[in-house]
Structure formats: C-alpha cells, structure tokens
N, C-alpha and C. Protein backbone atom coordinates (compact mmCIF):
# COMPACT_ATOMS: atom_id res chain seq x y z
N MET A 1 34.19 -0.25 3.22
CA MET A 1 34.32 1.11 3.14
C MET A 1 32.98 1.54 2.15
N LEU A 2 32.80 0.92 1.22
CA LEU A 2 31.78 1.46 0.21
C LEU A 2 30.49 0.68 0.60
N LYS A 3 29.38 1.63 1.10
CA LYS A 3 28.30 1.33 1.51
C LYS A 3 27.21 1.10 0.43
N SER A 4 27.03 2.03 -0.69
CA SER A 4 26.22 1.97 -1.72
C SER A 4 26.53 2.87 -2.94
N VAL A 5 25.97 2.45 -3.80
CA VAL A 5 25.84 3.68 -4.95
C VAL A 5 24.68 4.85 -4.30
N HIS A 6 25.03 5.80 -3.92
CA HIS A 6 24.23 6.77 -3.43
C HIS A 6 23.61 7.46 -4.33
N HIS A 7 24.17 8.24 -5.27
CA HIS A 7 23.34 8.66 -6.40
C HIS A 7 24.38 8.77 -7.57
N ILE A 8 23.55 9.01 -8.90
CA ILE A 8 24.10 8.95 -10.16
C ILE A 8 23.64 10.32 -10.69
N ASN A 9 24.71 11.24 -11.16
CA ASN A 9 24.13 12.79 -11.69
C ASN A 9 24.23 12.45 -13.36
N LEU A 10 23.17 12.84 -13.99
CA LEU A 10 23.18 12.68 -15.31
C LEU A 10 22.80 14.28 -15.72
N LEU A 11 23.93 14.86 -16.64
CA LEU A 11 23.54 16.19 -17.07
C LEU A 11 22.46 16.36 -18.19
N VAL A 12 22.06 17.32 -18.12
CA VAL A 12 20.83 17.39 -19.13
C VAL A 12 20.98 19.25 -19.45
N ARG A 13 20.55 19.54 -20.67
CA ARG A 13 20.41 20.87 -20.98
C ARG A 13 19.24 21.80 -20.59
N ASP A 14 18.15 21.11 -20.64
CA ASP A 14 16.67 21.35 -20.09
C ASP A 14 16.00 20.34 -19.15
N LEU A 15 16.18 20.77 -17.94
CA LEU A 15 15.71 20.28 -16.93
C LEU A 15 13.88 19.72 -17.00
N ASP A 16 13.36 20.69 -17.24
CA ASP A 16 11.89 20.37 -17.26
C ASP A 16 11.50 19.31 -18.26
N MET A 17 12.31 19.24 -19.62
CA MET A 17 12.10 18.45 -20.43
C MET A 17 12.77 16.92 -20.02
N ALA A 18 13.58 17.02 -19.56
CA ALA A 18 14.11 15.95 -19.20
C ALA A 18 13.25 15.13 -18.24
N VAL A 19 12.81 16.00 -17.01
CA VAL A 19 11.87 15.32 -16.00
C VAL A 19 10.69 14.93 -16.78
N GLU A 20 10.11 15.41 -17.86
CA GLU A 20 8.90 14.89 -18.75
C GLU A 20 9.24 13.80 -19.28
N ARG A 21 10.52 13.63 -20.06
CA ARG A 21 10.88 12.27 -20.53
C ARG A 21 11.07 11.19 -19.40
N TYR A 22 11.51 11.38 -18.41
CA TYR A 22 11.72 10.30 -17.50
C TYR A 22 10.43 9.99 -17.00
N ARG A 23 9.48 11.14 -16.73
CA ARG A 23 8.28 10.91 -16.14
C ARG A 23 7.41 9.89 -17.12
N SER A 24 7.36 10.17 -18.57
CA SER A 24 6.73 9.54 -19.23
C SER A 24 7.34 8.14 -19.87
N ALA A 25 8.40 7.82 -19.54
CA ALA A 25 9.11 6.38 -19.80
C ALA A 25 9.01 5.49 -18.69
N PHE A 26 9.14 6.04 -17.41
CA PHE A 26 8.94 5.25 -16.20
C PHE A 26 8.00 5.73 -15.27
N PRO A 27 7.27 5.05 -14.35
CA PRO A 27 6.12 5.40 -13.53
C PRO A 27 6.64 6.27 -12.23
N ILE A 28 7.49 7.41 -12.60
CA ILE A 28 8.06 8.33 -11.44
C ILE A 28 7.05 9.07 -11.33
N GLU A 29 6.45 9.23 -9.73
CA GLU A 29 5.58 10.13 -9.49
C GLU A 29 6.14 11.34 -9.05
N GLU A 30 7.29 11.24 -8.10
CA GLU A 30 7.59 12.26 -7.32
C GLU A 30 9.19 12.54 -7.68
N PHE A 31 9.38 13.80 -8.05
CA PHE A 31 10.49 14.37 -8.10
C PHE A 31 10.74 15.56 -7.21
N ILE A 32 12.05 15.52 -6.72
CA ILE A 32 12.48 16.54 -5.64
C ILE A 32 13.24 17.50 -6.42
N PHE A 33 13.03 18.93 -6.48
CA PHE A 33 13.59 19.89 -7.11
C PHE A 33 14.39 20.69 -6.14
N ALA A 34 15.76 21.06 -6.37
CA ALA A 34 16.59 21.92 -5.79
C ALA A 34 17.58 22.62 -6.51
N GLU A 35 18.10 23.59 -6.05
CA GLU A 35 19.05 24.38 -6.95
C GLU A 35 20.30 24.55 -5.75
N LEU A 36 21.47 24.54 -6.62
CA LEU A 36 22.78 24.62 -5.96
C LEU A 36 23.38 25.86 -6.44
N PRO A 37 23.22 27.12 -5.93
CA PRO A 37 23.63 28.10 -6.59
C PRO A 37 25.42 28.23 -6.61
N GLY A 38 25.85 27.38 -5.45
CA GLY A 38 27.56 27.41 -5.56
C GLY A 38 28.10 26.51 -6.45
N ARG A 39 27.04 25.56 -7.09
CA ARG A 39 27.40 24.69 -8.04
C ARG A 39 26.90 25.16 -9.69
N GLY A 40 26.12 26.18 -9.62
CA GLY A 40 25.69 26.55 -10.80
C GLY A 40 24.92 25.44 -11.39
N VAL A 41 23.84 24.90 -10.56
CA VAL A 41 23.03 23.85 -11.29
C VAL A 41 21.37 24.03 -10.59
N ARG A 42 20.56 23.45 -11.50
CA ARG A 42 19.32 23.30 -11.12
C ARG A 42 19.18 21.69 -10.88
N THR A 43 18.49 21.17 -10.04
CA THR A 43 18.47 19.71 -9.98
C THR A 43 16.73 19.13 -9.96
N ALA A 44 16.68 17.74 -10.07
CA ALA A 44 15.43 17.02 -9.93
C ALA A 44 16.04 15.67 -9.81
N ARG A 45 15.25 14.98 -8.48
CA ARG A 45 15.94 13.81 -8.33
C ARG A 45 14.83 12.87 -8.05
N PHE A 46 14.96 11.77 -8.14
CA PHE A 46 13.99 10.67 -7.71
C PHE A 46 14.77 9.36 -7.26
N LYS A 47 14.12 8.42 -6.76
CA LYS A 47 14.80 7.21 -6.09
C LYS A 47 14.50 6.17 -7.12
N ALA A 48 15.69 5.32 -7.34
CA ALA A 48 15.56 3.94 -8.04
C ALA A 48 15.85 3.15 -7.15
N GLY A 49 15.13 2.31 -6.44
CA GLY A 49 15.53 1.31 -5.55
C GLY A 49 16.35 2.03 -4.37
N GLN A 50 17.57 1.77 -3.84
CA GLN A 50 17.96 2.66 -2.72
C GLN A 50 19.03 3.79 -3.20
N SER A 51 19.12 4.09 -4.40
CA SER A 51 19.94 5.13 -5.21
C SER A 51 19.08 6.21 -5.51
N TRP A 52 19.79 7.55 -5.55
CA TRP A 52 19.16 8.61 -5.97
C TRP A 52 19.50 8.85 -7.65
N ILE A 53 18.76 9.10 -8.43
CA ILE A 53 19.16 9.56 -9.97
C ILE A 53 18.98 10.95 -9.85
N VAL A 54 19.95 11.74 -10.03
CA VAL A 54 19.88 13.19 -9.86
C VAL A 54 19.96 13.87 -11.44
N LEU A 55 18.87 14.20 -11.99
CA LEU A 55 19.00 15.20 -13.27
C LEU A 55 19.51 16.44 -12.89
N VAL A 56 20.58 16.97 -13.65
CA VAL A 56 21.56 18.03 -13.31
C VAL A 56 21.40 19.14 -14.55
N GLN A 57 20.93 20.24 -14.47
CA GLN A 57 21.15 21.11 -15.56
C GLN A 57 21.83 22.41 -15.07
N PRO A 58 22.92 22.46 -15.76
CA PRO A 58 23.97 23.72 -15.40
C PRO A 58 23.28 25.00 -15.71
N THR A 59 23.14 25.78 -14.53
CA THR A 59 22.95 27.45 -14.75
C THR A 59 24.15 28.13 -15.17
N ASP A 60 25.43 28.13 -15.04
CA ASP A 60 26.39 28.67 -14.90
C ASP A 60 27.50 27.80 -15.98
N PRO A 61 27.55 28.29 -17.38
CA PRO A 61 28.52 27.87 -18.15
C PRO A 61 29.95 27.56 -17.88
N ASP A 62 30.36 28.19 -16.69
CA ASP A 62 31.78 28.23 -16.29
C ASP A 62 31.94 27.59 -15.18
N SER A 63 31.01 26.76 -14.61
CA SER A 63 30.83 25.98 -13.54
C SER A 63 31.49 24.41 -14.15
N VAL A 64 31.99 23.68 -13.13
CA VAL A 64 32.51 22.15 -13.48
C VAL A 64 31.36 21.52 -14.33
N PRO A 65 29.93 21.56 -13.65
CA PRO A 65 28.98 20.90 -14.60
C PRO A 65 28.79 21.41 -16.01
N GLY A 66 28.75 22.69 -15.98
CA GLY A 66 28.65 23.59 -17.24
C GLY A 66 29.77 23.24 -18.30
N ALA A 67 30.74 23.34 -17.65
CA ALA A 67 32.05 23.01 -18.55
C ALA A 67 31.88 21.35 -19.22
N HIS A 68 31.76 20.68 -18.23
CA HIS A 68 31.58 19.28 -18.88
C HIS A 68 30.47 18.99 -19.63
N LEU A 69 29.35 19.87 -19.53
CA LEU A 69 28.15 19.56 -20.69
C LEU A 69 28.79 20.15 -21.81
N ALA A 70 29.03 21.09 -21.95
CA ALA A 70 29.58 21.99 -23.03
C ALA A 70 30.71 20.96 -24.02
N GLU A 71 31.67 20.23 -23.02
CA GLU A 71 32.63 19.34 -23.74
C GLU A 71 32.18 18.11 -24.16
N HIS A 72 31.41 17.38 -23.19
CA HIS A 72 30.94 16.10 -23.48
C HIS A 72 29.40 15.89 -23.84
N GLY A 73 28.57 16.70 -23.75
CA GLY A 73 27.17 16.89 -23.92
C GLY A 73 26.67 16.00 -22.82
N GLU A 74 25.18 15.94 -23.23
CA GLU A 74 24.49 15.26 -21.93
C GLU A 74 24.67 13.79 -21.84
N GLY A 75 24.58 13.34 -20.50
CA GLY A 75 24.57 11.97 -20.16
C GLY A 75 25.08 11.90 -18.64
N LEU A 76 25.98 11.01 -18.56
CA LEU A 76 26.38 10.43 -17.20
C LEU A 76 27.51 11.40 -16.96
N PHE A 77 27.36 12.20 -15.80
CA PHE A 77 28.40 13.01 -15.17
C PHE A 77 29.11 12.69 -14.10
N LEU A 78 28.68 11.94 -13.24
CA LEU A 78 29.44 11.25 -12.00
C LEU A 78 28.71 10.16 -11.31
N LEU A 79 29.34 9.29 -10.55
CA LEU A 79 28.81 8.16 -9.83
C LEU A 79 29.44 8.53 -8.48
N SER A 80 28.40 8.58 -7.56
CA SER A 80 28.58 8.96 -6.01
C SER A 80 28.42 7.77 -5.09
N PHE A 81 29.70 7.27 -4.34
CA PHE A 81 29.41 6.27 -3.30
C PHE A 81 29.15 6.80 -1.95
N GLU A 82 28.44 6.16 -0.99
CA GLU A 82 28.26 6.47 0.16
C GLU A 82 29.21 5.68 0.91
N VAL A 83 29.97 6.33 1.97
CA VAL A 83 30.78 5.75 2.99
C VAL A 83 30.43 6.26 4.40
N ASP A 84 30.90 5.56 5.34
CA ASP A 84 30.49 6.13 6.84
C ASP A 84 31.10 7.30 7.10
N GLU A 85 32.39 7.43 6.70
CA GLU A 85 33.07 8.70 7.04
C GLU A 85 34.02 9.16 5.97
N LEU A 86 33.95 10.42 5.78
CA LEU A 86 34.91 10.75 4.38
C LEU A 86 36.53 10.75 4.76
N GLY A 87 36.83 10.94 5.76
CA GLY A 87 38.14 11.09 6.35
C GLY A 87 38.82 9.75 5.84
N PRO A 88 38.55 8.74 6.73
CA PRO A 88 39.34 7.57 6.34
C PRO A 88 39.09 6.88 4.79
N ALA A 89 37.87 7.33 4.29
CA ALA A 89 37.74 6.93 2.91
C ALA A 89 38.66 7.67 2.02
N ILE A 90 38.87 8.96 2.23
CA ILE A 90 39.91 9.83 1.41
C ILE A 90 41.19 9.11 1.80
N GLU A 91 41.49 9.10 2.79
CA GLU A 91 42.67 8.23 3.34
C GLU A 91 43.06 7.12 2.44
N SER A 92 42.17 6.18 2.35
CA SER A 92 42.19 4.84 1.56
C SER A 92 42.65 5.21 0.31
N CYS A 93 41.67 6.06 -0.55
CA CYS A 93 42.00 6.32 -1.67
C CYS A 93 43.21 6.99 -2.08
N THR A 94 43.72 7.85 -1.21
CA THR A 94 44.89 8.61 -1.40
C THR A 94 46.39 7.46 -1.36
N VAL A 95 46.22 6.67 -0.09
CA VAL A 95 47.09 5.76 -0.05
C VAL A 95 47.23 5.03 -1.40
N ALA A 96 46.28 4.51 -2.02
CA ALA A 96 46.42 3.82 -3.24
C ALA A 96 46.47 4.45 -4.41
N GLY A 97 46.77 5.78 -4.06
CA GLY A 97 47.41 6.62 -5.40
C GLY A 97 46.24 7.30 -6.08
N ALA A 98 45.32 7.24 -5.63
CA ALA A 98 44.23 8.29 -6.01
C ALA A 98 44.32 9.72 -5.51
N VAL A 99 43.85 10.77 -6.20
CA VAL A 99 43.89 12.15 -5.86
C VAL A 99 42.57 12.61 -5.53
N VAL A 100 42.48 13.29 -4.52
CA VAL A 100 41.13 14.19 -4.21
C VAL A 100 41.17 15.26 -5.09
N SER A 101 40.00 15.69 -5.88
CA SER A 101 39.79 16.76 -6.56
C SER A 101 38.85 17.96 -6.06
N GLY A 102 39.50 18.89 -5.53
CA GLY A 102 38.86 19.91 -4.66
C GLY A 102 38.65 19.89 -3.27
N GLU A 103 37.78 20.63 -2.72
CA GLU A 103 37.59 20.42 -1.38
C GLU A 103 36.22 19.87 -1.10
N ARG A 104 36.27 19.20 0.36
CA ARG A 104 34.88 18.75 0.68
C ARG A 104 33.92 20.11 0.54
N ARG A 105 32.44 19.46 0.19
CA ARG A 105 31.62 20.45 0.13
C ARG A 105 30.24 19.82 0.52
N ARG A 106 29.39 20.81 0.72
CA ARG A 106 27.78 20.35 1.19
C ARG A 106 27.13 20.27 -0.32
N GLY A 107 26.35 19.31 -0.69
CA GLY A 107 25.37 19.21 -1.72
C GLY A 107 23.81 19.02 -1.21
N LEU A 108 23.23 18.47 -2.06
CA LEU A 108 21.78 18.60 -1.88
C LEU A 108 21.54 17.73 -0.42
N GLU A 109 20.39 17.92 0.30
CA GLU A 109 20.26 17.47 1.60
C GLU A 109 21.39 17.50 2.49
N ASP A 110 22.22 18.28 2.19
CA ASP A 110 23.35 18.59 3.17
C ASP A 110 24.30 17.65 3.05
N TRP A 111 24.25 16.46 1.98
CA TRP A 111 25.07 15.52 1.76
C TRP A 111 26.62 16.21 1.87
N GLU A 112 27.60 15.62 2.67
CA GLU A 112 29.17 16.07 2.26
C GLU A 112 29.77 14.96 1.32
N VAL A 113 30.18 15.74 0.27
CA VAL A 113 30.92 15.20 -0.90
C VAL A 113 32.27 15.57 -1.04
N VAL A 114 32.97 14.77 -1.80
CA VAL A 114 34.33 15.24 -2.15
C VAL A 114 34.60 14.39 -3.34
N ASP A 115 35.01 14.99 -4.45
CA ASP A 115 35.46 14.50 -5.87
C ASP A 115 36.89 13.82 -6.01
N LEU A 116 36.65 12.84 -6.81
CA LEU A 116 37.98 11.95 -6.95
C LEU A 116 38.65 12.37 -8.43
N ASP A 117 39.56 12.44 -8.75
CA ASP A 117 40.06 12.66 -9.75
C ASP A 117 40.01 11.54 -10.59
N PRO A 118 39.43 11.64 -11.81
CA PRO A 118 39.51 10.70 -12.64
C PRO A 118 40.30 9.72 -13.58
N ALA A 119 41.43 10.47 -13.46
CA ALA A 119 42.58 9.78 -14.01
C ALA A 119 43.02 8.52 -13.35
N TYR A 120 42.79 8.43 -12.02
CA TYR A 120 43.09 7.23 -11.28
C TYR A 120 42.13 5.92 -11.61
N PHE A 121 40.71 6.44 -11.87
CA PHE A 121 39.81 5.60 -12.04
C PHE A 121 39.33 5.19 -13.48
N MET A 122 40.74 5.28 -14.60
CA MET A 122 40.31 5.04 -15.73
C MET A 122 39.07 5.97 -16.36
N GLY A 123 38.91 7.24 -16.16
CA GLY A 123 38.25 8.15 -16.56
C GLY A 123 36.83 8.43 -16.01
N ALA A 124 36.46 7.57 -15.07
CA ALA A 124 35.52 7.52 -14.26
C ALA A 124 35.35 8.80 -13.47
N SER A 125 34.26 9.64 -13.30
CA SER A 125 34.21 10.80 -12.48
C SER A 125 33.42 10.07 -11.30
N LEU A 126 34.14 10.02 -10.29
CA LEU A 126 33.45 9.24 -8.92
C LEU A 126 33.74 10.42 -7.81
N GLN A 127 32.59 10.08 -6.78
CA GLN A 127 32.55 11.02 -5.81
C GLN A 127 32.34 10.07 -4.70
N LEU A 128 32.79 10.86 -3.36
CA LEU A 128 32.51 9.79 -2.23
C LEU A 128 31.59 10.95 -1.45
N VAL A 129 30.67 10.28 -0.54
CA VAL A 129 29.59 11.17 0.12
C VAL A 129 29.11 10.51 1.47
N THR A 130 29.02 11.31 2.20
CA THR A 130 28.24 10.84 3.65
C THR A 130 26.94 11.47 3.77
N VAL A 131 26.19 11.02 4.49
CA VAL A 131 24.78 11.32 4.72
C VAL A 131 24.55 11.81 6.12
N GLY A 132 23.78 12.90 6.40
CA GLY A 132 23.34 13.16 7.85
C GLY A 132 24.55 13.19 8.83
N LYS A 133 25.87 13.77 8.23
CA LYS A 133 26.75 14.05 9.24
C LYS A 133 27.18 15.49 9.52
C-alpha cells in the first residue's frame, strides 16, 4: 500500500531565510516556489533523493499550519506517504481504527491529499497522497 515517503513538510516563520539556510548548508540549486492560498501558506520545495522536502511558511495565522506554528514552533509539520489510490488506503486505515481528519484536497502539483488524525499514530501528523490522479 505505501509506495514511498512522498514529502516532508517543515514549518518555518520566514521562508526566504529558510531557503537561504538550506541552500548554504546543502548544495541545493533549485527550489520550486508556490503558494496555496486555500491552505494559507507559501512554500519552497526541493528533492532529497526520491522525496520532496517542503518548507512551509503560514500566511494565515488561523490556518491549520498557522495554528500549528503558533502552538509548536518551527520544525516538522507532517510526513506524507504516497499510495496508489486514496480510497483503498483510507479504507485500510479506517478499518484499523485510524480516523481521517478533514476532506480530500488538492495540494502542490495537483497532488491529492488527505490527513490522518495523529491520535492513532502516537502523535505523528501523517498524510496520504496520490500523484497524477
């Protein structure tokens, strides 16, 4: 069911400063910048092997990422697992006792994502994603 760690979201207060820090510490030449107004965020992402690392700056303090940043500070926000199809993956999780948190939505690059309630996964914020569907 799980194909890969598709992306890791890291919350930052200042996206431009974060990009410069990552760029100076690692030989990252290309960042892809995007905004998700519906989520209230600006992003910059780069590939690390087969996984995306997504730096996320909340632009709306009342958004889920904005509230998380205010409560927990900068750092790991969520881990996203790629699956072939969301429907069967969601069913497998819910049969096991996990709870889907929110509706399916479109993310960067038209990724289809759904969040899972962290309570079932010992506090880990997890997400399922399909690409190109």
